[in-house]
Amino acid sequence: MSPREQITLLDIYRARGFKLTREQARRLVYLLKLTEERPANDAAAAEPKRDTAA
């Protein structure tokens, strides 16, 4: 059984016509990881809960 070839983010962007350097792709991955680690700043989540028991 042969190991599957690993496709990188750089491969995907290049296949879609973007001309990214390896350094640009590395920075993009870094920024994507930062956004994954951050809690969602969703307007609905920030809205105060309403008391509907009245």
Protein backbone atom coordinates (compact mmCIF):
# COMPACT_ATOMS: atom_id res chain seq x y z
CA MET A 1 0.00 0.00 0.00
CA SER A 2 1.52 3.35 -1.02
CA PRO A 3 1.36 6.38 1.28
CA ARG A 4 -0.93 9.16 0.11
CA GLU A 5 0.75 12.24 -1.25
CA GLN A 6 0.33 15.18 1.12
CA ILE A 7 -1.24 18.24 -0.49
CA THR A 8 -0.21 21.53 1.06
CA LEU A 9 -2.06 24.82 1.26
CA LEU A 10 0.50 26.18 -1.18
CA ASP A 11 -0.45 23.44 -3.68
CA ILE A 12 -4.13 24.32 -3.37
CA TYR A 13 -3.59 28.05 -3.86
CA ARG A 14 -1.26 27.50 -6.81
CA ALA A 15 -3.78 25.14 -8.45
CA ARG A 16 -6.37 27.91 -8.19
CA GLY A 17 -4.10 30.39 -9.93
CA PHE A 18 -2.67 32.28 -6.96
CA LYS A 19 1.03 33.06 -7.19
CA LEU A 20 2.17 32.63 -3.59
CA THR A 21 5.74 32.13 -2.51
CA ARG A 22 6.54 29.59 0.18
CA GLU A 23 7.05 32.49 2.62
CA GLN A 24 3.61 33.94 1.81
CA ALA A 25 2.00 30.52 2.27
CA ARG A 26 3.83 30.07 5.59
CA ARG A 27 2.49 33.43 6.82
CA LEU A 28 -1.02 32.53 5.65
CA VAL A 29 -0.92 29.27 7.61
CA TYR A 30 0.29 31.17 10.69
CA LEU A 31 -2.61 33.64 10.43
CA LEU A 32 -5.14 30.84 9.91
CA LYS A 33 -3.87 29.08 13.03
CA LEU A 34 -4.25 32.31 15.02
CA THR A 35 -7.88 32.66 13.95
CA GLU A 36 -8.60 29.02 14.86
CA GLU A 37 -7.24 29.51 18.38
CA ARG A 38 -9.24 32.68 19.00
CA PRO A 39 -12.82 32.36 20.31
CA ALA A 40 -15.48 33.41 17.83
CA ASN A 41 -16.38 37.08 18.08
CA ASP A 42 -19.95 36.52 16.98
CA ALA A 43 -22.53 39.31 17.41
CA ALA A 44 -25.18 36.82 18.56
CA ALA A 45 -22.82 35.42 21.21
CA ALA A 46 -22.06 38.93 22.48
CA GLU A 47 -25.74 39.87 22.71
CA PRO A 48 -27.13 39.81 26.28
CA LYS A 49 -29.60 37.03 27.05
CA ARG A 50 -33.22 38.14 27.35
CA ASP A 51 -35.39 37.03 30.22
CA THR A 52 -38.42 35.43 28.54
CA ALA A 53 -40.00 34.09 31.75
CA ALA A 54 -42.02 37.27 32.40
